Amino acid sequence: MNMETLEFVIYPDGRVKEMVTGIIGSSCQEVTAAIEAQLGRVISTEKTSEYYQQQNTQVATASNQASSSDW
């Protein structure tokens, strides 16, 4: 399990740099949306390699095909 980390750097002029690590995919935007709304206007964003990674999910599909010979 990865540790999710949000790091903030506050500059003397009031700018805030936010760095997110350990969150795979676009869900990092959901995690930071409320914080960013409170901080103010977002000037720029840079997506990390974790943003472009796929979450490991297993999908099972099943199909049932019946032909006339099965009747």
PDB file of N, CA and C in Angstrom:
ATOM      1  N   MET A   1       0.844  -1.176   0.000  1.00  0.00           N
ATOM      2  CA  MET A   1       0.000   0.000   0.000  1.00  0.00           C
ATOM      3  C   MET A   1       0.890   1.240   0.000  1.00  0.00           C
ATOM      4  N   ASN A   2       0.618   2.189  -0.887  1.00  0.00           N
ATOM      5  CA  ASN A   2       1.384   3.424  -0.973  1.00  0.00           C
ATOM      6  C   ASN A   2       0.879   4.436   0.039  1.00  0.00           C
ATOM      7  N   MET A   3       1.789   5.256   0.531  1.00  0.00           N
ATOM      8  CA  MET A   3       1.408   6.320   1.430  1.00  0.00           C
ATOM      9  C   MET A   3       1.022   7.542   0.600  1.00  0.00           C
ATOM     10  N   GLU A   4      -0.143   8.084   0.866  1.00  0.00           N
ATOM     11  CA  GLU A   4      -0.603   9.288   0.170  1.00  0.00           C
ATOM     12  C   GLU A   4      -0.095  10.501   0.937  1.00  0.00           C
ATOM     13  N   THR A   5       0.545  11.431   0.211  1.00  0.00           N
ATOM     14  CA  THR A   5       1.162  12.590   0.843  1.00  0.00           C
ATOM     15  C   THR A   5       0.775  13.859   0.110  1.00  0.00           C
ATOM     16  N   LEU A   6       0.391  14.866   0.866  1.00  0.00           N
ATOM     17  CA  LEU A   6       0.184  16.206   0.336  1.00  0.00           C
ATOM     18  C   LEU A   6       1.201  17.101   1.016  1.00  0.00           C
ATOM     19  N   GLU A   7       1.988  17.799   0.223  1.00  0.00           N
ATOM     20  CA  GLU A   7       3.023  18.677   0.756  1.00  0.00           C
ATOM     21  C   GLU A   7       2.744  20.089   0.264  1.00  0.00           C
ATOM     22  N   PHE A   8       2.881  21.062   1.159  1.00  0.00           N
ATOM     23  CA  PHE A   8       2.636  22.454   0.808  1.00  0.00           C
ATOM     24  C   PHE A   8       3.871  23.272   1.119  1.00  0.00           C
ATOM     25  N   VAL A   9       4.251  24.132   0.164  1.00  0.00           N
ATOM     26  CA  VAL A   9       5.329  25.094   0.367  1.00  0.00           C
ATOM     27  C   VAL A   9       4.668  26.462   0.281  1.00  0.00           C
ATOM     28  N   ILE A  10       4.828  27.253   1.337  1.00  0.00           N
ATOM     29  CA  ILE A  10       4.241  28.596   1.373  1.00  0.00           C
ATOM     30  C   ILE A  10       5.379  29.601   1.218  1.00  0.00           C
ATOM     31  N   TYR A  11       5.307  30.383   0.150  1.00  0.00           N
ATOM     32  CA  TYR A  11       6.348  31.349  -0.147  1.00  0.00           C
ATOM     33  C   TYR A  11       6.060  32.673   0.562  1.00  0.00           C
ATOM     34  N   PRO A  12       7.092  33.492   0.781  1.00  0.00           N
ATOM     35  CA  PRO A  12       6.906  34.771   1.481  1.00  0.00           C
ATOM     36  C   PRO A  12       5.884  35.705   0.816  1.00  0.00           C
ATOM     37  N   ASP A  13       5.731  35.583  -0.500  1.00  0.00           N
ATOM     38  CA  ASP A  13       4.774  36.458  -1.193  1.00  0.00           C
ATOM     39  C   ASP A  13       3.345  35.926  -1.143  1.00  0.00           C
ATOM     40  N   GLY A  14       3.110  34.795  -0.440  1.00  0.00           N
ATOM     41  CA  GLY A  14       1.768  34.252  -0.273  1.00  0.00           C
ATOM     42  C   GLY A  14       1.408  33.122  -1.216  1.00  0.00           C
ATOM     43  N   ARG A  15       2.251  32.879  -2.224  1.00  0.00           N
ATOM     44  CA  ARG A  15       1.985  31.755  -3.120  1.00  0.00           C
ATOM     45  C   ARG A  15       2.127  30.450  -2.365  1.00  0.00           C
ATOM     46  N   VAL A  16       1.350  29.451  -2.771  1.00  0.00           N
ATOM     47  CA  VAL A  16       1.408  28.132  -2.155  1.00  0.00           C
ATOM     48  C   VAL A  16       1.646  27.107  -3.252  1.00  0.00           C
ATOM     49  N   LYS A  17       2.646  26.271  -3.065  1.00  0.00           N
ATOM     50  CA  LYS A  17       2.910  25.172  -4.002  1.00  0.00           C
ATOM     51  C   LYS A  17       2.440  23.899  -3.324  1.00  0.00           C
ATOM     52  N   GLU A  18       1.610  23.148  -4.026  1.00  0.00           N
ATOM     53  CA  GLU A  18       1.041  21.912  -3.503  1.00  0.00           C
ATOM     54  C   GLU A  18       1.602  20.742  -4.305  1.00  0.00           C
ATOM     55  N   MET A  19       2.104  19.724  -3.599  1.00  0.00           N
ATOM     56  CA  MET A  19       2.631  18.539  -4.269  1.00  0.00           C
ATOM     57  C   MET A  19       1.933  17.311  -3.692  1.00  0.00           C
ATOM     58  N   VAL A  20       1.439  16.460  -4.582  1.00  0.00           N
ATOM     59  CA  VAL A  20       0.709  15.264  -4.180  1.00  0.00           C
ATOM     60  C   VAL A  20       1.493  14.047  -4.660  1.00  0.00           C
ATOM     61  N   THR A  21       1.703  13.094  -3.759  1.00  0.00           N
ATOM     62  CA  THR A  21       2.363  11.848  -4.140  1.00  0.00           C
ATOM     63  C   THR A  21       1.591  10.683  -3.543  1.00  0.00           C
ATOM     64  N   GLY A  22       1.704   9.542  -4.193  1.00  0.00           N
ATOM     65  CA  GLY A  22       1.088   8.323  -3.684  1.00  0.00           C
ATOM     66  C   GLY A  22      -0.359   8.124  -4.090  1.00  0.00           C
ATOM     67  N   ILE A  23      -0.886   9.023  -4.908  1.00  0.00           N
ATOM     68  CA  ILE A  23      -2.264   8.880  -5.376  1.00  0.00           C
ATOM     69  C   ILE A  23      -2.209   8.615  -6.873  1.00  0.00           C
ATOM     70  N   ILE A  24      -2.751   7.483  -7.285  1.00  0.00           N
ATOM     71  CA  ILE A  24      -2.693   7.068  -8.680  1.00  0.00           C
ATOM     72  C   ILE A  24      -3.905   7.602  -9.439  1.00  0.00           C
ATOM     73  N   GLY A  25      -3.653   8.101 -10.646  1.00  0.00           N
ATOM     74  CA  GLY A  25      -4.736   8.547 -11.507  1.00  0.00           C
ATOM     75  C   GLY A  25      -5.248   9.933 -11.149  1.00  0.00           C
ATOM     76  N   SER A  26      -6.397  10.265 -11.681  1.00  0.00           N
ATOM     77  CA  SER A  26      -6.950  11.612 -11.533  1.00  0.00           C
ATOM     78  C   SER A  26      -7.633  11.844 -10.192  1.00  0.00           C
ATOM     79  N   SER A  27      -7.690  10.835  -9.333  1.00  0.00           N
ATOM     80  CA  SER A  27      -8.346  11.021  -8.043  1.00  0.00           C
ATOM     81  C   SER A  27      -7.621  12.042  -7.174  1.00  0.00           C
ATOM     82  N   CYS A  28      -6.362  12.357  -7.494  1.00  0.00           N
ATOM     83  CA  CYS A  28      -5.653  13.385  -6.735  1.00  0.00           C
ATOM     84  C   CYS A  28      -6.367  14.730  -6.864  1.00  0.00           C
ATOM     85  N   GLN A  29      -6.991  14.978  -8.004  1.00  0.00           N
ATOM     86  CA  GLN A  29      -7.730  16.225  -8.189  1.00  0.00           C
ATOM     87  C   GLN A  29      -8.932  16.289  -7.261  1.00  0.00           C
ATOM     88  N   GLU A  30      -9.568  15.161  -7.007  1.00  0.00           N
ATOM     89  CA  GLU A  30     -10.694  15.116  -6.080  1.00  0.00           C
ATOM     90  C   GLU A  30     -10.228  15.381  -4.654  1.00  0.00           C
ATOM     91  N   VAL A  31      -9.073  14.840  -4.310  1.00  0.00           N
ATOM     92  CA  VAL A  31      -8.533  14.996  -2.961  1.00  0.00           C
ATOM     93  C   VAL A  31      -8.168  16.455  -2.695  1.00  0.00           C
ATOM     94  N   THR A  32      -7.626  17.143  -3.675  1.00  0.00           N
ATOM     95  CA  THR A  32      -7.128  18.498  -3.466  1.00  0.00           C
ATOM     96  C   THR A  32      -8.128  19.596  -3.804  1.00  0.00           C
ATOM     97  N   ALA A  33      -9.244  19.273  -4.384  1.00  0.00           N
ATOM     98  CA  ALA A  33     -10.195  20.299  -4.839  1.00  0.00           C
ATOM     99  C   ALA A  33     -10.665  21.206  -3.706  1.00  0.00           C
ATOM    100  N   ALA A  34     -11.035  20.653  -2.575  1.00  0.00           N
ATOM    101  CA  ALA A  34     -11.544  21.470  -1.469  1.00  0.00           C
ATOM    102  C   ALA A  34     -10.449  22.365  -0.901  1.00  0.00           C
ATOM    103  N   ILE A  35      -9.233  21.834  -0.828  1.00  0.00           N
ATOM    104  CA  ILE A  35      -8.112  22.625  -0.317  1.00  0.00           C
ATOM    105  C   ILE A  35      -7.823  23.786  -1.257  1.00  0.00           C
ATOM    106  N   GLU A  36      -7.787  23.502  -2.546  1.00  0.00           N
ATOM    107  CA  GLU A  36      -7.508  24.542  -3.527  1.00  0.00           C
ATOM    108  C   GLU A  36      -8.586  25.613  -3.525  1.00  0.00           C
ATOM    109  N   ALA A  37      -9.821  25.233  -3.299  1.00  0.00           N
ATOM    110  CA  ALA A  37     -10.917  26.205  -3.242  1.00  0.00           C
ATOM    111  C   ALA A  37     -10.717  27.172  -2.079  1.00  0.00           C
ATOM    112  N   GLN A  38     -10.184  26.680  -0.979  1.00  0.00           N
ATOM    113  CA  GLN A  38      -9.942  27.531   0.189  1.00  0.00           C
ATOM    114  C   GLN A  38      -8.685  28.396   0.037  1.00  0.00           C
ATOM    115  N   LEU A  39      -7.709  27.877  -0.685  1.00  0.00           N
ATOM    116  CA  LEU A  39      -6.455  28.616  -0.849  1.00  0.00           C
ATOM    117  C   LEU A  39      -6.585  29.788  -1.810  1.00  0.00           C
ATOM    118  N   GLY A  40      -7.404  29.643  -2.817  1.00  0.00           N
ATOM    119  CA  GLY A  40      -7.541  30.724  -3.795  1.00  0.00           C
ATOM    120  C   GLY A  40      -7.350  30.238  -5.210  1.00  0.00           C
ATOM    121  N   ARG A  41      -7.000  31.154  -6.082  1.00  0.00           N
ATOM    122  CA  ARG A  41      -6.889  30.885  -7.511  1.00  0.00           C
ATOM    123  C   ARG A  41      -5.695  29.990  -7.817  1.00  0.00           C
ATOM    124  N   VAL A  42      -5.940  28.958  -8.621  1.00  0.00           N
ATOM    125  CA  VAL A  42      -4.869  28.068  -9.086  1.00  0.00           C
ATOM    126  C   VAL A  42      -4.265  28.695 -10.330  1.00  0.00           C
ATOM    127  N   ILE A  43      -2.964  28.911 -10.279  1.00  0.00           N
ATOM    128  CA  ILE A  43      -2.278  29.549 -11.406  1.00  0.00           C
ATOM    129  C   ILE A  43      -1.816  28.519 -12.423  1.00  0.00           C
ATOM    130  N   SER A  44      -1.285  27.400 -11.949  1.00  0.00           N
ATOM    131  CA  SER A  44      -0.824  26.364 -12.879  1.00  0.00           C
ATOM    132  C   SER A  44      -0.838  25.011 -12.183  1.00  0.00           C
ATOM    133  N   THR A  45      -0.875  23.968 -13.005  1.00  0.00           N
ATOM    134  CA  THR A  45      -0.791  22.601 -12.502  1.00  0.00           C
ATOM    135  C   THR A  45       0.166  21.811 -13.377  1.00  0.00           C
ATOM    136  N   GLU A  46       0.841  20.856 -12.784  1.00  0.00           N
ATOM    137  CA  GLU A  46       1.705  19.930 -13.509  1.00  0.00           C
ATOM    138  C   GLU A  46       1.335  18.530 -13.063  1.00  0.00           C
ATOM    139  N   LYS A  47       1.021  17.680 -14.000  1.00  0.00           N
ATOM    140  CA  LYS A  47       0.665  16.299 -13.686  1.00  0.00           C
ATOM    141  C   LYS A  47       1.936  15.465 -13.562  1.00  0.00           C
ATOM    142  N   THR A  48       1.982  14.614 -12.538  1.00  0.00           N
ATOM    143  CA  THR A  48       3.131  13.736 -12.348  1.00  0.00           C
ATOM    144  C   THR A  48       2.898  12.429 -13.096  1.00  0.00           C
ATOM    145  N   SER A  49       3.896  11.583 -13.095  1.00  0.00           N
ATOM    146  CA  SER A  49       3.755  10.289 -13.759  1.00  0.00           C
ATOM    147  C   SER A  49       2.686   9.441 -13.081  1.00  0.00           C
ATOM    148  N   GLU A  50       2.461   9.652 -11.779  1.00  0.00           N
ATOM    149  CA  GLU A  50       1.429   8.901 -11.065  1.00  0.00           C
ATOM    150  C   GLU A  50       0.032   9.214 -11.610  1.00  0.00           C
ATOM    151  N   TYR A  51      -0.158  10.420 -12.106  1.00  0.00           N
ATOM    152  CA  TYR A  51      -1.444  10.800 -12.679  1.00  0.00           C
ATOM    153  C   TYR A  51      -1.793   9.910 -13.873  1.00  0.00           C
ATOM    154  N   TYR A  52      -0.789   9.562 -14.650  1.00  0.00           N
ATOM    155  CA  TYR A  52      -1.016   8.795 -15.871  1.00  0.00           C
ATOM    156  C   TYR A  52      -1.022   7.282 -15.653  1.00  0.00           C
ATOM    157  N   GLN A  53      -0.711   6.834 -14.434  1.00  0.00           N
ATOM    158  CA  GLN A  53      -0.721   5.407 -14.145  1.00  0.00           C
ATOM    159  C   GLN A  53      -2.155   4.911 -14.027  1.00  0.00           C
ATOM    160  N   GLN A  54      -2.331   3.645 -14.294  1.00  0.00           N
ATOM    161  CA  GLN A  54      -3.638   3.005 -14.172  1.00  0.00           C
ATOM    162  C   GLN A  54      -3.733   2.346 -12.805  1.00  0.00           C
ATOM    163  N   GLN A  55      -4.905   2.411 -12.203  1.00  0.00           N
ATOM    164  CA  GLN A  55      -5.119   1.678 -10.960  1.00  0.00           C
ATOM    165  C   GLN A  55      -5.228   0.204 -11.305  1.00  0.00           C
ATOM    166  N   ASN A  56      -4.716  -0.641 -10.431  1.00  0.00           N
ATOM    167  CA  ASN A  56      -4.816  -2.079 -10.637  1.00  0.00           C
ATOM    168  C   ASN A  56      -6.198  -2.536 -10.199  1.00  0.00           C
ATOM    169  N   THR A  57      -7.028  -2.796 -11.162  1.00  0.00           N
ATOM    170  CA  THR A  57      -8.365  -3.304 -10.861  1.00  0.00           C
ATOM    171  C   THR A  57      -8.580  -4.553 -11.676  1.00  0.00           C
ATOM    172  N   GLN A  58      -9.306  -5.466 -11.101  1.00  0.00           N
ATOM    173  CA  GLN A  58      -9.613  -6.689 -11.813  1.00  0.00           C
ATOM    174  C   GLN A  58     -11.062  -6.614 -12.268  1.00  0.00           C
ATOM    175  N   VAL A  59     -11.253  -6.924 -13.519  1.00  0.00           N
ATOM    176  CA  VAL A  59     -12.588  -6.916 -14.086  1.00  0.00           C
ATOM    177  C   VAL A  59     -12.886  -8.321 -14.579  1.00  0.00           C
ATOM    178  N   ALA A  60     -13.997  -8.850 -14.128  1.00  0.00           N
ATOM    179  CA  ALA A  60     -14.389 -10.183 -14.571  1.00  0.00           C
ATOM    180  C   ALA A  60     -15.587 -10.034 -15.497  1.00  0.00           C
ATOM    181  N   THR A  61     -15.512 -10.702 -16.608  1.00  0.00           N
ATOM    182  CA  THR A  61     -16.646 -10.699 -17.527  1.00  0.00           C
ATOM    183  C   THR A  61     -17.069 -12.135 -17.759  1.00  0.00           C
ATOM    184  N   ALA A  62     -18.335 -12.301 -17.864  1.00  0.00           N
ATOM    185  CA  ALA A  62     -18.868 -13.637 -18.121  1.00  0.00           C
ATOM    186  C   ALA A  62     -19.885 -13.529 -19.241  1.00  0.00           C
ATOM    187  N   SER A  63     -19.917 -14.521 -20.021  1.00  0.00           N
ATOM    188  CA  SER A  63     -20.931 -14.546 -21.072  1.00  0.00           C
ATOM    189  C   SER A  63     -21.564 -15.929 -21.102  1.00  0.00           C
ATOM    190  N   ASN A  64     -22.788 -15.945 -21.466  1.00  0.00           N
ATOM    191  CA  ASN A  64     -23.518 -17.204 -21.552  1.00  0.00           C
ATOM    192  C   ASN A  64     -24.161 -17.238 -22.937  1.00  0.00           C
ATOM    193  N   GLN A  65     -23.685 -18.121 -23.734  1.00  0.00           N
ATOM    194  CA  GLN A  65     -24.211 -18.232 -25.079  1.00  0.00           C
ATOM    195  C   GLN A  65     -24.911 -19.573 -25.237  1.00  0.00           C
ATOM    196  N   ALA A  66     -26.099 -19.503 -25.674  1.00  0.00           N
ATOM    197  CA  ALA A  66     -26.870 -20.728 -25.905  1.00  0.00           C
ATOM    198  C   ALA A  66     -27.159 -20.840 -27.409  1.00  0.00           C
ATOM    199  N   SER A  67     -26.980 -22.009 -27.931  1.00  0.00           N
ATOM    200  CA  SER A  67     -27.317 -22.224 -29.327  1.00  0.00           C
ATOM    201  C   SER A  67     -28.499 -23.169 -29.380  1.00  0.00           C
ATOM    202  N   SER A  68     -29.078 -23.277 -30.527  1.00  0.00           N
ATOM    203  CA  SER A  68     -30.248 -24.138 -30.662  1.00  0.00           C
ATOM    204  C   SER A  68     -29.937 -25.603 -30.359  1.00  0.00           C
ATOM    205  N   SER A  69     -28.672 -26.006 -30.521  1.00  0.00           N
ATOM    206  CA  SER A  69     -28.316 -27.393 -30.231  1.00  0.00           C
ATOM    207  C   SER A  69     -28.287 -27.676 -28.720  1.00  0.00           C
ATOM    208  N   ASP A  70     -28.221 -26.606 -27.895  1.00  0.00           N
ATOM    209  CA  ASP A  70     -28.203 -26.768 -26.443  1.00  0.00           C
ATOM    210  C   ASP A  70     -29.602 -27.065 -25.910  1.00  0.00           C
ATOM    211  N   TRP A  71     -30.645 -26.871 -26.701  1.00  0.00           N
ATOM    212  CA  TRP A  71     -32.026 -27.050 -26.235  1.00  0.00           C
ATOM    213  C   TRP A  71     -32.380 -28.451 -26.372  1.00  0.00           C
TER     214      TRP A  71
END
